[in-house]
Amino acid sequence: MRAVEMYATDAGDANFHAADLSGATLLKCHLEGANLSHVSADRAVLEIMVDEKTNVTGLHGHIDGCVKFVQSTDPRRARDINGKELEKWLNLRGADVVVR
């Protein structure tokens, strides 16, 4: 899936385990509950929605973009996370990423 481009795609609960998303662009994509474990995302551009069930363990690479964290208990309380805050947020959940 290298350099794939996805726009406004619902990939909630999808299994991307160990996929190569290097150079990919995912804009306005719903990845709530998706398995992004051990995904290579070097040079990926992300504007995605995730929730507490989205697995980012082992996600690695240098990425650009932002994440909208949606609480399954109250979707209206979604919050945008980007920059160094996003880097810290992902890495605390088991990723190894650098956000540019």
PDB file of N, CA and C in Angstrom:
ATOM      1  N   MET A   1       0.824  -1.185   0.000  1.00  0.00           N
ATOM      2  CA  MET A   1       0.000   0.000   0.000  1.00  0.00           C
ATOM      3  C   MET A   1       0.872   1.253   0.000  1.00  0.00           C
ATOM      4  N   ARG A   2       2.078   1.085  -0.362  1.00  0.00           N
ATOM      5  CA  ARG A   2       3.015   2.200  -0.399  1.00  0.00           C
ATOM      6  C   ARG A   2       2.481   3.322  -1.279  1.00  0.00           C
ATOM      7  N   ALA A   3       2.557   4.548  -0.759  1.00  0.00           N
ATOM      8  CA  ALA A   3       2.163   5.758  -1.480  1.00  0.00           C
ATOM      9  C   ALA A   3       0.675   5.770  -1.859  1.00  0.00           C
ATOM     10  N   VAL A   4      -0.127   5.017  -1.151  1.00  0.00           N
ATOM     11  CA  VAL A   4      -1.565   5.006  -1.401  1.00  0.00           C
ATOM     12  C   VAL A   4      -2.148   6.362  -1.018  1.00  0.00           C
ATOM     13  N   GLU A   5      -3.216   6.761  -1.682  1.00  0.00           N
ATOM     14  CA  GLU A   5      -3.938   7.977  -1.330  1.00  0.00           C
ATOM     15  C   GLU A   5      -5.372   7.595  -1.021  1.00  0.00           C
ATOM     16  N   MET A   6      -5.824   7.974   0.177  1.00  0.00           N
ATOM     17  CA  MET A   6      -7.208   7.697   0.568  1.00  0.00           C
ATOM     18  C   MET A   6      -7.814   8.996   1.065  1.00  0.00           C
ATOM     19  N   TYR A   7      -9.047   9.256   0.661  1.00  0.00           N
ATOM     20  CA  TYR A   7      -9.746  10.459   1.081  1.00  0.00           C
ATOM     21  C   TYR A   7     -11.145  10.093   1.548  1.00  0.00           C
ATOM     22  N   ALA A   8     -11.497  10.583   2.727  1.00  0.00           N
ATOM     23  CA  ALA A   8     -12.841  10.382   3.288  1.00  0.00           C
ATOM     24  C   ALA A   8     -13.246   8.908   3.250  1.00  0.00           C
ATOM     25  N   THR A   9     -12.347   8.056   3.684  1.00  0.00           N
ATOM     26  CA  THR A   9     -12.572   6.611   3.677  1.00  0.00           C
ATOM     27  C   THR A   9     -12.900   6.125   5.084  1.00  0.00           C
ATOM     28  N   ASP A  10     -13.879   5.250   5.192  1.00  0.00           N
ATOM     29  CA  ASP A  10     -14.193   4.637   6.480  1.00  0.00           C
ATOM     30  C   ASP A  10     -13.470   3.305   6.551  1.00  0.00           C
ATOM     31  N   ALA A  11     -12.370   3.294   7.299  1.00  0.00           N
ATOM     32  CA  ALA A  11     -11.592   2.072   7.496  1.00  0.00           C
ATOM     33  C   ALA A  11     -11.592   1.700   8.977  1.00  0.00           C
ATOM     34  N   GLY A  12     -12.669   2.044   9.654  1.00  0.00           N
ATOM     35  CA  GLY A  12     -12.810   1.682  11.055  1.00  0.00           C
ATOM     36  C   GLY A  12     -12.764   0.174  11.204  1.00  0.00           C
ATOM     37  N   ASP A  13     -12.050  -0.297  12.191  1.00  0.00           N
ATOM     38  CA  ASP A  13     -11.874  -1.723  12.483  1.00  0.00           C
ATOM     39  C   ASP A  13     -11.073  -2.466  11.417  1.00  0.00           C
ATOM     40  N   ALA A  14     -10.470  -1.758  10.465  1.00  0.00           N
ATOM     41  CA  ALA A  14      -9.651  -2.413   9.437  1.00  0.00           C
ATOM     42  C   ALA A  14      -8.348  -2.910  10.044  1.00  0.00           C
ATOM     43  N   ASN A  15      -7.770  -3.944   9.447  1.00  0.00           N
ATOM     44  CA  ASN A  15      -6.526  -4.513   9.927  1.00  0.00           C
ATOM     45  C   ASN A  15      -5.391  -4.136   8.972  1.00  0.00           C
ATOM     46  N   PHE A  16      -4.577  -3.173   9.388  1.00  0.00           N
ATOM     47  CA  PHE A  16      -3.420  -2.735   8.604  1.00  0.00           C
ATOM     48  C   PHE A  16      -2.127  -3.306   9.185  1.00  0.00           C
ATOM     49  N   HIS A  17      -2.206  -4.284  10.064  1.00  0.00           N
ATOM     50  CA  HIS A  17      -1.037  -4.831  10.763  1.00  0.00           C
ATOM     51  C   HIS A  17       0.142  -5.030   9.808  1.00  0.00           C
ATOM     52  N   ALA A  18       1.268  -4.395  10.140  1.00  0.00           N
ATOM     53  CA  ALA A  18       2.537  -4.521   9.415  1.00  0.00           C
ATOM     54  C   ALA A  18       2.481  -4.033   7.969  1.00  0.00           C
ATOM     55  N   ALA A  19       1.494  -3.228   7.616  1.00  0.00           N
ATOM     56  CA  ALA A  19       1.413  -2.677   6.262  1.00  0.00           C
ATOM     57  C   ALA A  19       2.492  -1.617   6.068  1.00  0.00           C
ATOM     58  N   ASP A  20       2.889  -1.425   4.833  1.00  0.00           N
ATOM     59  CA  ASP A  20       3.829  -0.365   4.490  1.00  0.00           C
ATOM     60  C   ASP A  20       3.028   0.807   3.933  1.00  0.00           C
ATOM     61  N   LEU A  21       2.837   1.822   4.760  1.00  0.00           N
ATOM     62  CA  LEU A  21       2.115   3.024   4.342  1.00  0.00           C
ATOM     63  C   LEU A  21       3.081   4.181   4.113  1.00  0.00           C
ATOM     64  N   SER A  22       4.336   3.858   3.826  1.00  0.00           N
ATOM     65  CA  SER A  22       5.332   4.899   3.558  1.00  0.00           C
ATOM     66  C   SER A  22       4.905   5.725   2.353  1.00  0.00           C
ATOM     67  N   GLY A  23       4.951   7.037   2.524  1.00  0.00           N
ATOM     68  CA  GLY A  23       4.566   7.935   1.442  1.00  0.00           C
ATOM     69  C   GLY A  23       3.070   8.043   1.223  1.00  0.00           C
ATOM     70  N   ALA A  24       2.289   7.408   2.074  1.00  0.00           N
ATOM     71  CA  ALA A  24       0.829   7.418   1.915  1.00  0.00           C
ATOM     72  C   ALA A  24       0.239   8.757   2.345  1.00  0.00           C
ATOM     73  N   THR A  25      -0.920   9.072   1.782  1.00  0.00           N
ATOM     74  CA  THR A  25      -1.688  10.240   2.189  1.00  0.00           C
ATOM     75  C   THR A  25      -3.077   9.750   2.567  1.00  0.00           C
ATOM     76  N   LEU A  26      -3.434   9.923   3.831  1.00  0.00           N
ATOM     77  CA  LEU A  26      -4.749   9.527   4.331  1.00  0.00           C
ATOM     78  C   LEU A  26      -5.412  10.772   4.891  1.00  0.00           C
ATOM     79  N   LEU A  27      -6.396  11.304   4.182  1.00  0.00           N
ATOM     80  CA  LEU A  27      -7.057  12.537   4.579  1.00  0.00           C
ATOM     81  C   LEU A  27      -8.517  12.278   4.912  1.00  0.00           C
ATOM     82  N   LYS A  28      -8.934  12.777   6.066  1.00  0.00           N
ATOM     83  CA  LYS A  28     -10.321  12.659   6.531  1.00  0.00           C
ATOM     84  C   LYS A  28     -10.777  11.195   6.578  1.00  0.00           C
ATOM     85  N   CYS A  29      -9.864  10.322   6.959  1.00  0.00           N
ATOM     86  CA  CYS A  29     -10.153   8.892   7.028  1.00  0.00           C
ATOM     87  C   CYS A  29     -10.509   8.483   8.453  1.00  0.00           C
ATOM     88  N   HIS A  30     -11.540   7.681   8.571  1.00  0.00           N
ATOM     89  CA  HIS A  30     -11.981   7.151   9.864  1.00  0.00           C
ATOM     90  C   HIS A  30     -11.253   5.841  10.127  1.00  0.00           C
ATOM     91  N   LEU A  31     -10.420   5.841  11.173  1.00  0.00           N
ATOM     92  CA  LEU A  31      -9.667   4.639  11.539  1.00  0.00           C
ATOM     93  C   LEU A  31      -9.965   4.231  12.977  1.00  0.00           C
ATOM     94  N   GLU A  32     -11.159   4.571  13.440  1.00  0.00           N
ATOM     95  CA  GLU A  32     -11.553   4.180  14.787  1.00  0.00           C
ATOM     96  C   GLU A  32     -11.563   2.654  14.889  1.00  0.00           C
ATOM     97  N   GLY A  33     -10.841   2.137  15.874  1.00  0.00           N
ATOM     98  CA  GLY A  33     -10.778   0.693  16.083  1.00  0.00           C
ATOM     99  C   GLY A  33      -9.852  -0.041  15.134  1.00  0.00           C
ATOM    100  N   ALA A  34      -9.165   0.667  14.257  1.00  0.00           N
ATOM    101  CA  ALA A  34      -8.277   0.014  13.288  1.00  0.00           C
ATOM    102  C   ALA A  34      -7.014  -0.512  13.967  1.00  0.00           C
ATOM    103  N   ASN A  35      -6.431  -1.540  13.369  1.00  0.00           N
ATOM    104  CA  ASN A  35      -5.167  -2.103  13.838  1.00  0.00           C
ATOM    105  C   ASN A  35      -4.045  -1.519  12.985  1.00  0.00           C
ATOM    106  N   LEU A  36      -3.306  -0.561  13.549  1.00  0.00           N
ATOM    107  CA  LEU A  36      -2.166   0.051  12.871  1.00  0.00           C
ATOM    108  C   LEU A  36      -0.854  -0.433  13.477  1.00  0.00           C
ATOM    109  N   SER A  37      -0.906  -1.583  14.125  1.00  0.00           N
ATOM    110  CA  SER A  37       0.294  -2.095  14.795  1.00  0.00           C
ATOM    111  C   SER A  37       1.366  -2.470  13.779  1.00  0.00           C
ATOM    112  N   HIS A  38       2.582  -2.046  14.089  1.00  0.00           N
ATOM    113  CA  HIS A  38       3.781  -2.361  13.308  1.00  0.00           C
ATOM    114  C   HIS A  38       3.704  -1.861  11.867  1.00  0.00           C
ATOM    115  N   VAL A  39       2.935  -0.803  11.654  1.00  0.00           N
ATOM    116  CA  VAL A  39       2.835  -0.169  10.342  1.00  0.00           C
ATOM    117  C   VAL A  39       4.045   0.733  10.122  1.00  0.00           C
ATOM    118  N   SER A  40       4.617   0.662   8.934  1.00  0.00           N
ATOM    119  CA  SER A  40       5.667   1.588   8.533  1.00  0.00           C
ATOM    120  C   SER A  40       4.982   2.769   7.852  1.00  0.00           C
ATOM    121  N   ALA A  41       5.164   3.964   8.423  1.00  0.00           N
ATOM    122  CA  ALA A  41       4.461   5.138   7.904  1.00  0.00           C
ATOM    123  C   ALA A  41       5.431   6.274   7.608  1.00  0.00           C
ATOM    124  N   ASP A  42       6.624   5.956   7.140  1.00  0.00           N
ATOM    125  CA  ASP A  42       7.627   6.979   6.868  1.00  0.00           C
ATOM    126  C   ASP A  42       7.156   7.903   5.746  1.00  0.00           C
ATOM    127  N   ARG A  43       7.233   9.203   5.994  1.00  0.00           N
ATOM    128  CA  ARG A  43       6.815  10.246   5.045  1.00  0.00           C
ATOM    129  C   ARG A  43       5.321  10.202   4.753  1.00  0.00           C
ATOM    130  N   ALA A  44       4.540   9.614   5.638  1.00  0.00           N
ATOM    131  CA  ALA A  44       3.082   9.583   5.463  1.00  0.00           C
ATOM    132  C   ALA A  44       2.475  10.907   5.914  1.00  0.00           C
ATOM    133  N   VAL A  45       1.415  11.288   5.237  1.00  0.00           N
ATOM    134  CA  VAL A  45       0.640  12.471   5.617  1.00  0.00           C
ATOM    135  C   VAL A  45      -0.701  11.967   6.119  1.00  0.00           C
ATOM    136  N   LEU A  46      -0.993  12.274   7.380  1.00  0.00           N
ATOM    137  CA  LEU A  46      -2.190  11.735   8.016  1.00  0.00           C
ATOM    138  C   LEU A  46      -3.094  12.850   8.515  1.00  0.00           C
ATOM    139  N   GLU A  47      -4.352  12.733   8.207  1.00  0.00           N
ATOM    140  CA  GLU A  47      -5.413  13.542   8.807  1.00  0.00           C
ATOM    141  C   GLU A  47      -6.528  12.535   9.074  1.00  0.00           C
ATOM    142  N   ILE A  48      -6.425  11.863  10.228  1.00  0.00           N
ATOM    143  CA  ILE A  48      -7.265  10.704  10.501  1.00  0.00           C
ATOM    144  C   ILE A  48      -8.022  10.852  11.814  1.00  0.00           C
ATOM    145  N   MET A  49      -9.086  10.087  11.937  1.00  0.00           N
ATOM    146  CA  MET A  49      -9.845   9.997  13.175  1.00  0.00           C
ATOM    147  C   MET A  49      -9.549   8.643  13.809  1.00  0.00           C
ATOM    148  N   VAL A  50      -9.232   8.656  15.115  1.00  0.00           N
ATOM    149  CA  VAL A  50      -8.951   7.432  15.860  1.00  0.00           C
ATOM    150  C   VAL A  50      -9.725   7.473  17.169  1.00  0.00           C
ATOM    151  N   ASP A  51      -9.783   6.333  17.847  1.00  0.00           N
ATOM    152  CA  ASP A  51     -10.400   6.285  19.172  1.00  0.00           C
ATOM    153  C   ASP A  51      -9.527   5.431  20.080  1.00  0.00           C
ATOM    154  N   GLU A  52     -10.004   5.180  21.288  1.00  0.00           N
ATOM    155  CA  GLU A  52      -9.199   4.434  22.260  1.00  0.00           C
ATOM    156  C   GLU A  52      -8.967   2.987  21.827  1.00  0.00           C
ATOM    157  N   LYS A  53      -9.711   2.477  20.875  1.00  0.00           N
ATOM    158  CA  LYS A  53      -9.524   1.093  20.408  1.00  0.00           C
ATOM    159  C   LYS A  53      -8.544   0.994  19.242  1.00  0.00           C
ATOM    160  N   THR A  54      -8.132   2.123  18.670  1.00  0.00           N
ATOM    161  CA  THR A  54      -7.171   2.106  17.565  1.00  0.00           C
ATOM    162  C   THR A  54      -5.809   1.690  18.111  1.00  0.00           C
ATOM    163  N   ASN A  55      -5.221   0.645  17.531  1.00  0.00           N
ATOM    164  CA  ASN A  55      -3.951   0.083  18.001  1.00  0.00           C
ATOM    165  C   ASN A  55      -2.802   0.682  17.189  1.00  0.00           C
ATOM    166  N   VAL A  56      -1.915   1.439  17.851  1.00  0.00           N
ATOM    167  CA  VAL A  56      -0.762   2.036  17.180  1.00  0.00           C
ATOM    168  C   VAL A  56       0.563   1.446  17.678  1.00  0.00           C
ATOM    169  N   THR A  57       0.520   0.349  18.402  1.00  0.00           N
ATOM    170  CA  THR A  57       1.731  -0.285  18.922  1.00  0.00           C
ATOM    171  C   THR A  57       2.663  -0.647  17.772  1.00  0.00           C
ATOM    172  N   GLY A  58       3.887  -0.139  17.827  1.00  0.00           N
ATOM    173  CA  GLY A  58       4.869  -0.466  16.799  1.00  0.00           C
ATOM    174  C   GLY A  58       4.758   0.364  15.531  1.00  0.00           C
ATOM    175  N   LEU A  59       3.768   1.253  15.431  1.00  0.00           N
ATOM    176  CA  LEU A  59       3.690   2.185  14.298  1.00  0.00           C
ATOM    177  C   LEU A  59       4.982   2.987  14.291  1.00  0.00           C
ATOM    178  N   HIS A  60       5.635   3.104  13.137  1.00  0.00           N
ATOM    179  CA  HIS A  60       6.914   3.796  13.114  1.00  0.00           C
ATOM    180  C   HIS A  60       7.115   4.579  11.824  1.00  0.00           C
ATOM    181  N   GLY A  61       7.948   5.627  11.942  1.00  0.00           N
ATOM    182  CA  GLY A  61       8.288   6.460  10.795  1.00  0.00           C
ATOM    183  C   GLY A  61       8.240   7.937  11.127  1.00  0.00           C
ATOM    184  N   HIS A  62       8.520   8.746  10.132  1.00  0.00           N
ATOM    185  CA  HIS A  62       8.421  10.198  10.220  1.00  0.00           C
ATOM    186  C   HIS A  62       7.124  10.589   9.514  1.00  0.00           C
ATOM    187  N   ILE A  63       6.206  11.200  10.239  1.00  0.00           N
ATOM    188  CA  ILE A  63       4.897  11.510   9.671  1.00  0.00           C
ATOM    189  C   ILE A  63       4.588  13.003   9.779  1.00  0.00           C
ATOM    190  N   ASP A  64       3.685  13.442   8.933  1.00  0.00           N
ATOM    191  CA  ASP A  64       3.139  14.795   8.979  1.00  0.00           C
ATOM    192  C   ASP A  64       1.641  14.666   9.187  1.00  0.00           C
ATOM    193  N   GLY A  65       1.051  15.675   9.831  1.00  0.00           N
ATOM    194  CA  GLY A  65      -0.390  15.679   9.917  1.00  0.00           C
ATOM    195  C   GLY A  65      -0.943  15.817  11.301  1.00  0.00           C
ATOM    196  N   CYS A  66      -2.186  15.391  11.416  1.00  0.00           N
ATOM    197  CA  CYS A  66      -2.874  15.489  12.700  1.00  0.00           C
ATOM    198  C   CYS A  66      -3.834  14.319  12.859  1.00  0.00           C
ATOM    199  N   VAL A  67      -4.225  14.136  14.096  1.00  0.00           N
ATOM    200  CA  VAL A  67      -5.165  13.082  14.453  1.00  0.00           C
ATOM    201  C   VAL A  67      -6.314  13.721  15.204  1.00  0.00           C
ATOM    202  N   LYS A  68      -7.510  13.288  14.896  1.00  0.00           N
ATOM    203  CA  LYS A  68      -8.672  13.692  15.686  1.00  0.00           C
ATOM    204  C   LYS A  68      -9.014  12.497  16.558  1.00  0.00           C
ATOM    205  N   PHE A  69      -8.864  12.678  17.875  1.00  0.00           N
ATOM    206  CA  PHE A  69      -9.171  11.611  18.821  1.00  0.00           C
ATOM    207  C   PHE A  69     -10.643  11.713  19.192  1.00  0.00           C
ATOM    208  N   VAL A  70     -11.390  10.659  18.876  1.00  0.00           N
ATOM    209  CA  VAL A  70     -12.827  10.623  19.118  1.00  0.00           C
ATOM    210  C   VAL A  70     -13.089   9.666  20.270  1.00  0.00           C
ATOM    211  N   GLN A  71     -13.758  10.144  21.293  1.00  0.00           N
ATOM    212  CA  GLN A  71     -14.126   9.280  22.410  1.00  0.00           C
ATOM    213  C   GLN A  71     -15.389   8.529  22.039  1.00  0.00           C
ATOM    214  N   SER A  72     -15.328   7.215  22.105  1.00  0.00           N
ATOM    215  CA  SER A  72     -16.501   6.421  21.723  1.00  0.00           C
ATOM    216  C   SER A  72     -17.682   6.699  22.634  1.00  0.00           C
ATOM    217  N   THR A  73     -17.418   7.113  23.863  1.00  0.00           N
ATOM    218  CA  THR A  73     -18.508   7.385  24.793  1.00  0.00           C
ATOM    219  C   THR A  73     -19.192   8.724  24.503  1.00  0.00           C
ATOM    220  N   ASP A  74     -18.481   9.658  23.865  1.00  0.00           N
ATOM    221  CA  ASP A  74     -19.061  10.955  23.533  1.00  0.00           C
ATOM    222  C   ASP A  74     -18.356  11.531  22.306  1.00  0.00           C
ATOM    223  N   PRO A  75     -18.753  11.118  21.097  1.00  0.00           N
ATOM    224  CA  PRO A  75     -18.087  11.553  19.863  1.00  0.00           C
ATOM    225  C   PRO A  75     -18.055  13.074  19.679  1.00  0.00           C
ATOM    226  N   ARG A  76     -18.941  13.789  20.346  1.00  0.00           N
ATOM    227  CA  ARG A  76     -18.955  15.248  20.214  1.00  0.00           C
ATOM    228  C   ARG A  76     -17.740  15.887  20.891  1.00  0.00           C
ATOM    229  N   ARG A  77     -17.066  15.140  21.748  1.00  0.00           N
ATOM    230  CA  ARG A  77     -15.911  15.666  22.474  1.00  0.00           C
ATOM    231  C   ARG A  77     -14.597  15.302  21.795  1.00  0.00           C
ATOM    232  N   ALA A  78     -14.579  15.241  20.487  1.00  0.00           N
ATOM    233  CA  ALA A  78     -13.358  14.931  19.747  1.00  0.00           C
ATOM    234  C   ALA A  78     -12.365  16.079  19.905  1.00  0.00           C
ATOM    235  N   ARG A  79     -11.070  15.723  19.875  1.00  0.00           N
ATOM    236  CA  ARG A  79     -10.059  16.773  19.951  1.00  0.00           C
ATOM    237  C   ARG A  79      -8.941  16.511  18.951  1.00  0.00           C
ATOM    238  N   ASP A  80      -8.434  17.595  18.380  1.00  0.00           N
ATOM    239  CA  ASP A  80      -7.331  17.507  17.428  1.00  0.00           C
ATOM    240  C   ASP A  80      -6.013  17.444  18.168  1.00  0.00           C
ATOM    241  N   ILE A  81      -5.129  16.574  17.685  1.00  0.00           N
ATOM    242  CA  ILE A  81      -3.791  16.441  18.249  1.00  0.00           C
ATOM    243  C   ILE A  81      -2.809  16.534  17.089  1.00  0.00           C
ATOM    244  N   ASN A  82      -1.801  17.396  17.206  1.00  0.00           N
ATOM    245  CA  ASN A  82      -0.821  17.523  16.132  1.00  0.00           C
ATOM    246  C   ASN A  82       0.541  17.910  16.686  1.00  0.00           C
ATOM    247  N   GLY A  83       1.527  17.990  15.812  1.00  0.00           N
ATOM    248  CA  GLY A  83       2.877  18.399  16.193  1.00  0.00           C
ATOM    249  C   GLY A  83       3.499  17.501  17.244  1.00  0.00           C
ATOM    250  N   LYS A  84       4.268  18.126  18.118  1.00  0.00           N
ATOM    251  CA  LYS A  84       4.973  17.376  19.164  1.00  0.00           C
ATOM    252  C   LYS A  84       3.998  16.708  20.135  1.00  0.00           C
ATOM    253  N   GLU A  85       2.815  17.305  20.319  1.00  0.00           N
ATOM    254  CA  GLU A  85       1.805  16.668  21.171  1.00  0.00           C
ATOM    255  C   GLU A  85       1.372  15.337  20.561  1.00  0.00           C
ATOM    256  N   LEU A  86       1.194  15.306  19.232  1.00  0.00           N
ATOM    257  CA  LEU A  86       0.817  14.065  18.556  1.00  0.00           C
ATOM    258  C   LEU A  86       1.938  13.036  18.678  1.00  0.00           C
ATOM    259  N   GLU A  87       3.163  13.476  18.489  1.00  0.00           N
ATOM    260  CA  GLU A  87       4.304  12.562  18.615  1.00  0.00           C
ATOM    261  C   GLU A  87       4.311  11.908  19.995  1.00  0.00           C
ATOM    262  N   LYS A  88       4.165  12.716  21.023  1.00  0.00           N
ATOM    263  CA  LYS A  88       4.142  12.192  22.391  1.00  0.00           C
ATOM    264  C   LYS A  88       2.947  11.266  22.602  1.00  0.00           C
ATOM    265  N   TRP A  89       1.785  11.677  22.129  1.00  0.00           N
ATOM    266  CA  TRP A  89       0.549  10.909  22.300  1.00  0.00           C
ATOM    267  C   TRP A  89       0.684   9.521  21.669  1.00  0.00           C
ATOM    268  N   LEU A  90       1.191   9.462  20.434  1.00  0.00           N
ATOM    269  CA  LEU A  90       1.360   8.170  19.751  1.00  0.00           C
ATOM    270  C   LEU A  90       2.419   7.310  20.448  1.00  0.00           C
ATOM    271  N   ASN A  91       3.543   7.926  20.791  1.00  0.00           N
ATOM    272  CA  ASN A  91       4.634   7.163  21.401  1.00  0.00           C
ATOM    273  C   ASN A  91       4.262   6.623  22.775  1.00  0.00           C
ATOM    274  N   LEU A  92       3.424   7.335  23.508  1.00  0.00           N
ATOM    275  CA  LEU A  92       2.936   6.811  24.790  1.00  0.00           C
ATOM    276  C   LEU A  92       2.042   5.588  24.599  1.00  0.00           C
ATOM    277  N   ARG A  93       1.518   5.411  23.406  1.00  0.00           N
ATOM    278  CA  ARG A  93       0.655   4.266  23.101  1.00  0.00           C
ATOM    279  C   ARG A  93       1.406   3.160  22.363  1.00  0.00           C
ATOM    280  N   GLY A  94       2.743   3.231  22.377  1.00  0.00           N
ATOM    281  CA  GLY A  94       3.547   2.151  21.821  1.00  0.00           C
ATOM    282  C   GLY A  94       4.102   2.386  20.440  1.00  0.00           C
ATOM    283  N   ALA A  95       3.863   3.559  19.856  1.00  0.00           N
ATOM    284  CA  ALA A  95       4.432   3.873  18.539  1.00  0.00           C
ATOM    285  C   ALA A  95       5.873   4.330  18.709  1.00  0.00           C
ATOM    286  N   ASP A  96       6.565   4.465  17.584  1.00  0.00           N
ATOM    287  CA  ASP A  96       7.897   5.024  17.562  1.00  0.00           C
ATOM    288  C   ASP A  96       7.972   5.958  16.353  1.00  0.00           C
ATOM    289  N   VAL A  97       7.369   7.141  16.501  1.00  0.00           N
ATOM    290  CA  VAL A  97       7.247   8.071  15.378  1.00  0.00           C
ATOM    291  C   VAL A  97       7.878   9.421  15.713  1.00  0.00           C
ATOM    292  N   VAL A  98       8.224  10.113  14.661  1.00  0.00           N
ATOM    293  CA  VAL A  98       8.626  11.519  14.737  1.00  0.00           C
ATOM    294  C   VAL A  98       7.611  12.277  13.895  1.00  0.00           C
ATOM    295  N   VAL A  99       6.996  13.286  14.491  1.00  0.00           N
ATOM    296  CA  VAL A  99       6.013  14.098  13.765  1.00  0.00           C
ATOM    297  C   VAL A  99       6.712  15.381  13.343  1.00  0.00           C
ATOM    298  N   ARG A 100       6.637  15.656  12.047  1.00  0.00           N
ATOM    299  CA  ARG A 100       7.288  16.863  11.508  1.00  0.00           C
ATOM    300  C   ARG A 100       6.298  17.991  11.415  1.00  0.00           C
TER     301      ARG A 100
END
